Each structure stands twice: as C-alpha cells, then as structure tokens.
Amino acid sequence: MSTKILPDSDVRPDLSHGDGDHERFAHYVQKAKITESAVTGTPVIALCGKVWVPNRDPKKYPVCPECKEIYDGLKPGGGDGGE
C-alpha cells in the first residue's frame, strides 16, 4: 500500500450528499409535516424527494422547479367525484 500526498490546493470534498441545487430552492411539503417537523425536529420530504429539516425562511428562495412541476400535475382533491 502506498501513501499519496495531496497537493496544496483549495479542494474540498462535496458534503452535500447529492442535494445539488436543492439547497437553492424552497420546496413543496405538506403543511402538517412542516408543523410536525418544527415541533419534533423530524425531517420532511418534498415533492421532488429532497429530505431535510426545515430551518430557513422559504420566502427568500425561488420555488423548486421540480416540486412546482409535480404540484402542477397533481389532480385537485376534495371534490365530490361528479362531473
């Protein structure tokens, strides 16, 4: 086994765990889950699949385009099922 010495540079590991652009957006989550997370600290799951514990003001970020696309494709609920 050999040991390599890394060059002096500003290279840092990617600690985002694959979140990518998810951190730049506000995501769609069920309102009840947001409240539950605020009380218990449990993570929530956005429509796009991002899992995290909300701790920032979503109004400061643009809406996640993936969440919006999924939300816009959902059928309206609560109807009587008639025509």
PDB file of N, CA and C in Angstrom:
ATOM      1  N   MET A   1       0.853  -1.175   0.000  1.00  0.00           N
ATOM      2  CA  MET A   1       0.000   0.000   0.000  1.00  0.00           C
ATOM      3  C   MET A   1       0.897   1.236   0.000  1.00  0.00           C
ATOM      4  N   SER A   2       0.544   2.221  -0.820  1.00  0.00           N
ATOM      5  CA  SER A   2       1.323   3.450  -0.875  1.00  0.00           C
ATOM      6  C   SER A   2       0.495   4.607  -0.342  1.00  0.00           C
ATOM      7  N   THR A   3       1.184   5.633   0.090  1.00  0.00           N
ATOM      8  CA  THR A   3       0.517   6.823   0.603  1.00  0.00           C
ATOM      9  C   THR A   3       0.742   7.953  -0.373  1.00  0.00           C
ATOM     10  N   LYS A   4      -0.330   8.643  -0.713  1.00  0.00           N
ATOM     11  CA  LYS A   4      -0.214   9.786  -1.610  1.00  0.00           C
ATOM     12  C   LYS A   4      -0.355  11.062  -0.805  1.00  0.00           C
ATOM     13  N   ILE A   5       0.434  12.030  -1.135  1.00  0.00           N
ATOM     14  CA  ILE A   5       0.311  13.340  -0.508  1.00  0.00           C
ATOM     15  C   ILE A   5      -0.408  14.238  -1.500  1.00  0.00           C
ATOM     16  N   LEU A   6      -1.517  14.776  -1.070  1.00  0.00           N
ATOM     17  CA  LEU A   6      -2.315  15.625  -1.943  1.00  0.00           C
ATOM     18  C   LEU A   6      -1.648  16.989  -2.101  1.00  0.00           C
ATOM     19  N   PRO A   7      -1.771  17.589  -3.262  1.00  0.00           N
ATOM     20  CA  PRO A   7      -1.178  18.909  -3.471  1.00  0.00           C
ATOM     21  C   PRO A   7      -1.872  19.962  -2.611  1.00  0.00           C
ATOM     22  N   ASP A   8      -1.133  21.003  -2.294  1.00  0.00           N
ATOM     23  CA  ASP A   8      -1.716  22.116  -1.554  1.00  0.00           C
ATOM     24  C   ASP A   8      -2.672  22.853  -2.478  1.00  0.00           C
ATOM     25  N   SER A   9      -3.935  22.728  -2.227  1.00  0.00           N
ATOM     26  CA  SER A   9      -4.931  23.424  -3.039  1.00  0.00           C
ATOM     27  C   SER A   9      -6.196  23.594  -2.217  1.00  0.00           C
ATOM     28  N   ASP A  10      -7.123  24.307  -2.772  1.00  0.00           N
ATOM     29  CA  ASP A  10      -8.371  24.581  -2.079  1.00  0.00           C
ATOM     30  C   ASP A  10      -9.449  23.574  -2.524  1.00  0.00           C
ATOM     31  N   VAL A  11      -9.116  22.311  -2.493  1.00  0.00           N
ATOM     32  CA  VAL A  11     -10.057  21.270  -2.891  1.00  0.00           C
ATOM     33  C   VAL A  11     -10.748  20.760  -1.638  1.00  0.00           C
ATOM     34  N   ARG A  12     -12.062  20.793  -1.688  1.00  0.00           N
ATOM     35  CA  ARG A  12     -12.842  20.330  -0.542  1.00  0.00           C
ATOM     36  C   ARG A  12     -13.775  19.214  -0.999  1.00  0.00           C
ATOM     37  N   PRO A  13     -14.038  18.253  -0.136  1.00  0.00           N
ATOM     38  CA  PRO A  13     -14.980  17.204  -0.519  1.00  0.00           C
ATOM     39  C   PRO A  13     -16.386  17.753  -0.658  1.00  0.00           C
ATOM     40  N   ASP A  14     -17.187  17.129  -1.496  1.00  0.00           N
ATOM     41  CA  ASP A  14     -18.577  17.525  -1.668  1.00  0.00           C
ATOM     42  C   ASP A  14     -19.380  16.947  -0.512  1.00  0.00           C
ATOM     43  N   LEU A  15     -19.808  17.784   0.391  1.00  0.00           N
ATOM     44  CA  LEU A  15     -20.542  17.327   1.570  1.00  0.00           C
ATOM     45  C   LEU A  15     -22.043  17.481   1.421  1.00  0.00           C
ATOM     46  N   SER A  16     -22.515  17.700   0.200  1.00  0.00           N
ATOM     47  CA  SER A  16     -23.936  17.962   0.001  1.00  0.00           C
ATOM     48  C   SER A  16     -24.771  16.691  -0.032  1.00  0.00           C
ATOM     49  N   HIS A  17     -24.140  15.524  -0.059  1.00  0.00           N
ATOM     50  CA  HIS A  17     -24.851  14.245  -0.110  1.00  0.00           C
ATOM     51  C   HIS A  17     -25.788  14.177  -1.306  1.00  0.00           C
ATOM     52  N   GLY A  18     -25.393  14.767  -2.405  1.00  0.00           N
ATOM     53  CA  GLY A  18     -26.173  14.679  -3.624  1.00  0.00           C
ATOM     54  C   GLY A  18     -27.323  15.661  -3.712  1.00  0.00           C
ATOM     55  N   ASP A  19     -27.407  16.618  -2.810  1.00  0.00           N
ATOM     56  CA  ASP A  19     -28.518  17.558  -2.833  1.00  0.00           C
ATOM     57  C   ASP A  19     -28.439  18.500  -4.023  1.00  0.00           C
ATOM     58  N   GLY A  20     -27.251  18.830  -4.468  1.00  0.00           N
ATOM     59  CA  GLY A  20     -27.098  19.697  -5.628  1.00  0.00           C
ATOM     60  C   GLY A  20     -27.836  21.002  -5.466  1.00  0.00           C
ATOM     61  N   ASP A  21     -28.670  21.330  -6.448  1.00  0.00           N
ATOM     62  CA  ASP A  21     -29.388  22.600  -6.452  1.00  0.00           C
ATOM     63  C   ASP A  21     -30.534  22.652  -5.448  1.00  0.00           C
ATOM     64  N   HIS A  22     -30.846  21.545  -4.805  1.00  0.00           N
ATOM     65  CA  HIS A  22     -31.957  21.537  -3.851  1.00  0.00           C
ATOM     66  C   HIS A  22     -31.803  22.615  -2.778  1.00  0.00           C
ATOM     67  N   GLU A  23     -30.567  22.923  -2.406  1.00  0.00           N
ATOM     68  CA  GLU A  23     -30.329  23.893  -1.338  1.00  0.00           C
ATOM     69  C   GLU A  23     -30.642  25.322  -1.765  1.00  0.00           C
ATOM     70  N   ARG A  24     -30.832  25.549  -3.042  1.00  0.00           N
ATOM     71  CA  ARG A  24     -31.078  26.899  -3.541  1.00  0.00           C
ATOM     72  C   ARG A  24     -32.561  27.221  -3.659  1.00  0.00           C
ATOM     73  N   PHE A  25     -33.433  26.286  -3.334  1.00  0.00           N
ATOM     74  CA  PHE A  25     -34.850  26.458  -3.582  1.00  0.00           C
ATOM     75  C   PHE A  25     -35.700  26.257  -2.338  1.00  0.00           C
ATOM     76  N   ALA A  26     -36.912  26.801  -2.407  1.00  0.00           N
ATOM     77  CA  ALA A  26     -37.955  26.490  -1.438  1.00  0.00           C
ATOM     78  C   ALA A  26     -38.740  25.325  -2.036  1.00  0.00           C
ATOM     79  N   HIS A  27     -39.087  24.353  -1.204  1.00  0.00           N
ATOM     80  CA  HIS A  27     -39.721  23.130  -1.690  1.00  0.00           C
ATOM     81  C   HIS A  27     -41.151  22.995  -1.189  1.00  0.00           C
ATOM     82  N   TYR A  28     -41.951  22.236  -1.941  1.00  0.00           N
ATOM     83  CA  TYR A  28     -43.337  21.960  -1.553  1.00  0.00           C
ATOM     84  C   TYR A  28     -43.377  20.747  -0.632  1.00  0.00           C
ATOM     85  N   VAL A  29     -43.994  20.940   0.545  1.00  0.00           N
ATOM     86  CA  VAL A  29     -44.152  19.889   1.544  1.00  0.00           C
ATOM     87  C   VAL A  29     -45.537  20.052   2.148  1.00  0.00           C
ATOM     88  N   GLN A  30     -46.150  18.945   2.583  1.00  0.00           N
ATOM     89  CA  GLN A  30     -47.455  19.035   3.244  1.00  0.00           C
ATOM     90  C   GLN A  30     -47.333  19.937   4.468  1.00  0.00           C
ATOM     91  N   LYS A  31     -48.287  20.847   4.619  1.00  0.00           N
ATOM     92  CA  LYS A  31     -48.247  21.825   5.712  1.00  0.00           C
ATOM     93  C   LYS A  31     -48.173  21.150   7.077  1.00  0.00           C
ATOM     94  N   ALA A  32     -48.923  20.069   7.254  1.00  0.00           N
ATOM     95  CA  ALA A  32     -48.917  19.351   8.538  1.00  0.00           C
ATOM     96  C   ALA A  32     -47.531  18.795   8.855  1.00  0.00           C
ATOM     97  N   LYS A  33     -46.800  18.399   7.820  1.00  0.00           N
ATOM     98  CA  LYS A  33     -45.453  17.852   8.027  1.00  0.00           C
ATOM     99  C   LYS A  33     -44.475  18.947   8.449  1.00  0.00           C
ATOM    100  N   ILE A  34     -44.664  20.159   7.931  1.00  0.00           N
ATOM    101  CA  ILE A  34     -43.817  21.285   8.332  1.00  0.00           C
ATOM    102  C   ILE A  34     -44.014  21.571   9.816  1.00  0.00           C
ATOM    103  N   THR A  35     -45.287  21.595  10.239  1.00  0.00           N
ATOM    104  CA  THR A  35     -45.603  21.837  11.646  1.00  0.00           C
ATOM    105  C   THR A  35     -45.012  20.740  12.519  1.00  0.00           C
ATOM    106  N   GLU A  36     -45.182  19.492  12.106  1.00  0.00           N
ATOM    107  CA  GLU A  36     -44.642  18.364  12.868  1.00  0.00           C
ATOM    108  C   GLU A  36     -43.126  18.466  12.990  1.00  0.00           C
ATOM    109  N   SER A  37     -42.465  18.825  11.900  1.00  0.00           N
ATOM    110  CA  SER A  37     -41.017  18.951  11.910  1.00  0.00           C
ATOM    111  C   SER A  37     -40.565  20.063  12.855  1.00  0.00           C
ATOM    112  N   ALA A  38     -41.325  21.161  12.880  1.00  0.00           N
ATOM    113  CA  ALA A  38     -40.980  22.276  13.766  1.00  0.00           C
ATOM    114  C   ALA A  38     -41.049  21.853  15.229  1.00  0.00           C
ATOM    115  N   VAL A  39     -41.992  20.966  15.546  1.00  0.00           N
ATOM    116  CA  VAL A  39     -42.175  20.526  16.924  1.00  0.00           C
ATOM    117  C   VAL A  39     -41.192  19.411  17.294  1.00  0.00           C
ATOM    118  N   THR A  40     -41.038  18.431  16.407  1.00  0.00           N
ATOM    119  CA  THR A  40     -40.261  17.233  16.736  1.00  0.00           C
ATOM    120  C   THR A  40     -38.841  17.226  16.181  1.00  0.00           C
ATOM    121  N   GLY A  41     -38.582  18.046  15.166  1.00  0.00           N
ATOM    122  CA  GLY A  41     -37.265  18.050  14.542  1.00  0.00           C
ATOM    123  C   GLY A  41     -37.071  16.925  13.533  1.00  0.00           C
ATOM    124  N   THR A  42     -38.147  16.227  13.178  1.00  0.00           N
ATOM    125  CA  THR A  42     -38.037  15.151  12.200  1.00  0.00           C
ATOM    126  C   THR A  42     -37.942  15.727  10.791  1.00  0.00           C
ATOM    127  N   PRO A  43     -37.202  15.065   9.921  1.00  0.00           N
ATOM    128  CA  PRO A  43     -37.071  15.548   8.542  1.00  0.00           C
ATOM    129  C   PRO A  43     -38.390  15.462   7.776  1.00  0.00           C
ATOM    130  N   VAL A  44     -38.512  16.292   6.759  1.00  0.00           N
ATOM    131  CA  VAL A  44     -39.669  16.280   5.860  1.00  0.00           C
ATOM    132  C   VAL A  44     -39.184  15.823   4.488  1.00  0.00           C
ATOM    133  N   ILE A  45     -40.136  15.421   3.638  1.00  0.00           N
ATOM    134  CA  ILE A  45     -39.809  15.009   2.279  1.00  0.00           C
ATOM    135  C   ILE A  45     -40.595  15.892   1.326  1.00  0.00           C
ATOM    136  N   ALA A  46     -39.872  16.615   0.468  1.00  0.00           N
ATOM    137  CA  ALA A  46     -40.504  17.482  -0.521  1.00  0.00           C
ATOM    138  C   ALA A  46     -41.048  16.633  -1.668  1.00  0.00           C
ATOM    139  N   LEU A  47     -41.903  17.243  -2.481  1.00  0.00           N
ATOM    140  CA  LEU A  47     -42.446  16.539  -3.639  1.00  0.00           C
ATOM    141  C   LEU A  47     -41.338  16.020  -4.555  1.00  0.00           C
ATOM    142  N   CYS A  48     -40.235  16.748  -4.642  1.00  0.00           N
ATOM    143  CA  CYS A  48     -39.128  16.356  -5.516  1.00  0.00           C
ATOM    144  C   CYS A  48     -38.258  15.266  -4.913  1.00  0.00           C
ATOM    145  N   GLY A  49     -38.492  14.947  -3.641  1.00  0.00           N
ATOM    146  CA  GLY A  49     -37.725  13.894  -2.986  1.00  0.00           C
ATOM    147  C   GLY A  49     -36.662  14.382  -2.024  1.00  0.00           C
ATOM    148  N   LYS A  50     -36.414  15.677  -1.951  1.00  0.00           N
ATOM    149  CA  LYS A  50     -35.423  16.203  -1.007  1.00  0.00           C
ATOM    150  C   LYS A  50     -35.887  15.931   0.414  1.00  0.00           C
ATOM    151  N   VAL A  51     -34.981  15.437   1.253  1.00  0.00           N
ATOM    152  CA  VAL A  51     -35.263  15.159   2.655  1.00  0.00           C
ATOM    153  C   VAL A  51     -34.388  16.081   3.497  1.00  0.00           C
ATOM    154  N   TRP A  52     -35.006  16.826   4.414  1.00  0.00           N
ATOM    155  CA  TRP A  52     -34.252  17.753   5.270  1.00  0.00           C
ATOM    156  C   TRP A  52     -35.134  18.230   6.418  1.00  0.00           C
ATOM    157  N   VAL A  53     -34.521  18.872   7.383  1.00  0.00           N
ATOM    158  CA  VAL A  53     -35.248  19.511   8.476  1.00  0.00           C
ATOM    159  C   VAL A  53     -35.307  20.998   8.146  1.00  0.00           C
ATOM    160  N   PRO A  54     -36.503  21.525   7.867  1.00  0.00           N
ATOM    161  CA  PRO A  54     -36.617  22.946   7.500  1.00  0.00           C
ATOM    162  C   PRO A  54     -36.121  23.855   8.629  1.00  0.00           C
ATOM    163  N   ASN A  55     -35.317  24.832   8.252  1.00  0.00           N
ATOM    164  CA  ASN A  55     -34.812  25.770   9.257  1.00  0.00           C
ATOM    165  C   ASN A  55     -34.522  27.140   8.661  1.00  0.00           C
ATOM    166  N   ARG A  56     -35.131  27.448   7.524  1.00  0.00           N
ATOM    167  CA  ARG A  56     -34.895  28.744   6.889  1.00  0.00           C
ATOM    168  C   ARG A  56     -36.207  29.288   6.336  1.00  0.00           C
ATOM    169  N   ASP A  57     -36.210  30.554   6.025  1.00  0.00           N
ATOM    170  CA  ASP A  57     -37.407  31.204   5.505  1.00  0.00           C
ATOM    171  C   ASP A  57     -37.550  30.898   4.017  1.00  0.00           C
ATOM    172  N   PRO A  58     -38.553  30.094   3.628  1.00  0.00           N
ATOM    173  CA  PRO A  58     -38.694  29.722   2.217  1.00  0.00           C
ATOM    174  C   PRO A  58     -39.022  30.901   1.310  1.00  0.00           C
ATOM    175  N   LYS A  59     -39.502  32.003   1.876  1.00  0.00           N
ATOM    176  CA  LYS A  59     -39.847  33.178   1.072  1.00  0.00           C
ATOM    177  C   LYS A  59     -38.613  33.837   0.474  1.00  0.00           C
ATOM    178  N   LYS A  60     -37.437  33.487   0.986  1.00  0.00           N
ATOM    179  CA  LYS A  60     -36.194  34.080   0.498  1.00  0.00           C
ATOM    180  C   LYS A  60     -35.619  33.322  -0.696  1.00  0.00           C
ATOM    181  N   TYR A  61     -36.293  32.247  -1.115  1.00  0.00           N
ATOM    182  CA  TYR A  61     -35.769  31.403  -2.182  1.00  0.00           C
ATOM    183  C   TYR A  61     -36.819  31.189  -3.257  1.00  0.00           C
ATOM    184  N   PRO A  62     -36.393  30.981  -4.496  1.00  0.00           N
ATOM    185  CA  PRO A  62     -37.359  30.650  -5.547  1.00  0.00           C
ATOM    186  C   PRO A  62     -37.892  29.235  -5.334  1.00  0.00           C
ATOM    187  N   VAL A  63     -39.084  28.971  -5.859  1.00  0.00           N
ATOM    188  CA  VAL A  63     -39.699  27.649  -5.721  1.00  0.00           C
ATOM    189  C   VAL A  63     -38.924  26.641  -6.562  1.00  0.00           C
ATOM    190  N   CYS A  64     -38.716  25.467  -6.003  1.00  0.00           N
ATOM    191  CA  CYS A  64     -38.042  24.376  -6.703  1.00  0.00           C
ATOM    192  C   CYS A  64     -38.832  24.041  -7.970  1.00  0.00           C
ATOM    193  N   PRO A  65     -38.204  24.114  -9.144  1.00  0.00           N
ATOM    194  CA  PRO A  65     -38.939  23.843 -10.377  1.00  0.00           C
ATOM    195  C   PRO A  65     -39.472  22.413 -10.443  1.00  0.00           C
ATOM    196  N   GLU A  66     -38.759  21.474  -9.862  1.00  0.00           N
ATOM    197  CA  GLU A  66     -39.219  20.087  -9.873  1.00  0.00           C
ATOM    198  C   GLU A  66     -40.458  19.926  -8.990  1.00  0.00           C
ATOM    199  N   CYS A  67     -40.441  20.529  -7.797  1.00  0.00           N
ATOM    200  CA  CYS A  67     -41.619  20.486  -6.914  1.00  0.00           C
ATOM    201  C   CYS A  67     -42.816  21.136  -7.608  1.00  0.00           C
ATOM    202  N   LYS A  68     -42.586  22.301  -8.243  1.00  0.00           N
ATOM    203  CA  LYS A  68     -43.675  23.022  -8.903  1.00  0.00           C
ATOM    204  C   LYS A  68     -44.274  22.193 -10.030  1.00  0.00           C
ATOM    205  N   GLU A  69     -43.430  21.546 -10.809  1.00  0.00           N
ATOM    206  CA  GLU A  69     -43.907  20.714 -11.912  1.00  0.00           C
ATOM    207  C   GLU A  69     -44.759  19.554 -11.390  1.00  0.00           C
ATOM    208  N   ILE A  70     -44.310  18.933 -10.327  1.00  0.00           N
ATOM    209  CA  ILE A  70     -45.074  17.828  -9.738  1.00  0.00           C
ATOM    210  C   ILE A  70     -46.388  18.344  -9.173  1.00  0.00           C
ATOM    211  N   TYR A  71     -46.337  19.458  -8.436  1.00  0.00           N
ATOM    212  CA  TYR A  71     -47.535  20.036  -7.827  1.00  0.00           C
ATOM    213  C   TYR A  71     -48.559  20.419  -8.896  1.00  0.00           C
ATOM    214  N   ASP A  72     -48.098  21.043  -9.963  1.00  0.00           N
ATOM    215  CA  ASP A  72     -48.997  21.457 -11.041  1.00  0.00           C
ATOM    216  C   ASP A  72     -49.632  20.265 -11.747  1.00  0.00           C
ATOM    217  N   GLY A  73     -48.973  19.115 -11.687  1.00  0.00           N
ATOM    218  CA  GLY A  73     -49.502  17.911 -12.331  1.00  0.00           C
ATOM    219  C   GLY A  73     -50.455  17.120 -11.462  1.00  0.00           C
ATOM    220  N   LEU A  74     -50.555  17.487 -10.178  1.00  0.00           N
ATOM    221  CA  LEU A  74     -51.462  16.777  -9.278  1.00  0.00           C
ATOM    222  C   LEU A  74     -52.908  17.128  -9.589  1.00  0.00           C
ATOM    223  N   LYS A  75     -53.783  16.148  -9.438  1.00  0.00           N
ATOM    224  CA  LYS A  75     -55.211  16.399  -9.646  1.00  0.00           C
ATOM    225  C   LYS A  75     -55.760  17.114  -8.407  1.00  0.00           C
ATOM    226  N   PRO A  76     -56.669  18.066  -8.604  1.00  0.00           N
ATOM    227  CA  PRO A  76     -57.275  18.717  -7.447  1.00  0.00           C
ATOM    228  C   PRO A  76     -58.027  17.687  -6.604  1.00  0.00           C
ATOM    229  N   GLY A  77     -57.953  17.815  -5.297  1.00  0.00           N
ATOM    230  CA  GLY A  77     -58.647  16.871  -4.409  1.00  0.00           C
ATOM    231  C   GLY A  77     -59.821  17.527  -3.723  1.00  0.00           C
ATOM    232  N   GLY A  78     -60.553  16.714  -3.008  1.00  0.00           N
ATOM    233  CA  GLY A  78     -61.661  17.224  -2.217  1.00  0.00           C
ATOM    234  C   GLY A  78     -62.961  17.393  -2.963  1.00  0.00           C
ATOM    235  N   GLY A  79     -63.005  16.978  -4.217  1.00  0.00           N
ATOM    236  CA  GLY A  79     -64.232  17.117  -4.999  1.00  0.00           C
ATOM    237  C   GLY A  79     -65.221  16.001  -4.682  1.00  0.00           C
ATOM    238  N   ASP A  80     -66.424  16.116  -5.250  1.00  0.00           N
ATOM    239  CA  ASP A  80     -67.438  15.109  -4.976  1.00  0.00           C
ATOM    240  C   ASP A  80     -67.348  13.942  -5.963  1.00  0.00           C
ATOM    241  N   GLY A  81     -66.415  14.013  -6.895  1.00  0.00           N
ATOM    242  CA  GLY A  81     -66.210  12.930  -7.838  1.00  0.00           C
ATOM    243  C   GLY A  81     -67.169  12.971  -9.020  1.00  0.00           C
ATOM    244  N   GLY A  82     -68.082  13.930  -9.031  1.00  0.00           N
ATOM    245  CA  GLY A  82     -69.043  14.039 -10.129  1.00  0.00           C
ATOM    246  C   GLY A  82     -68.491  14.857 -11.264  1.00  0.00           C
ATOM    247  N   GLU A  83     -69.281  14.971 -12.327  1.00  0.00           N
ATOM    248  CA  GLU A  83     -68.830  15.750 -13.481  1.00  0.00           C
ATOM    249  C   GLU A  83     -69.216  17.184 -13.351  1.00  0.00           C
TER     250      GLU A  83
END
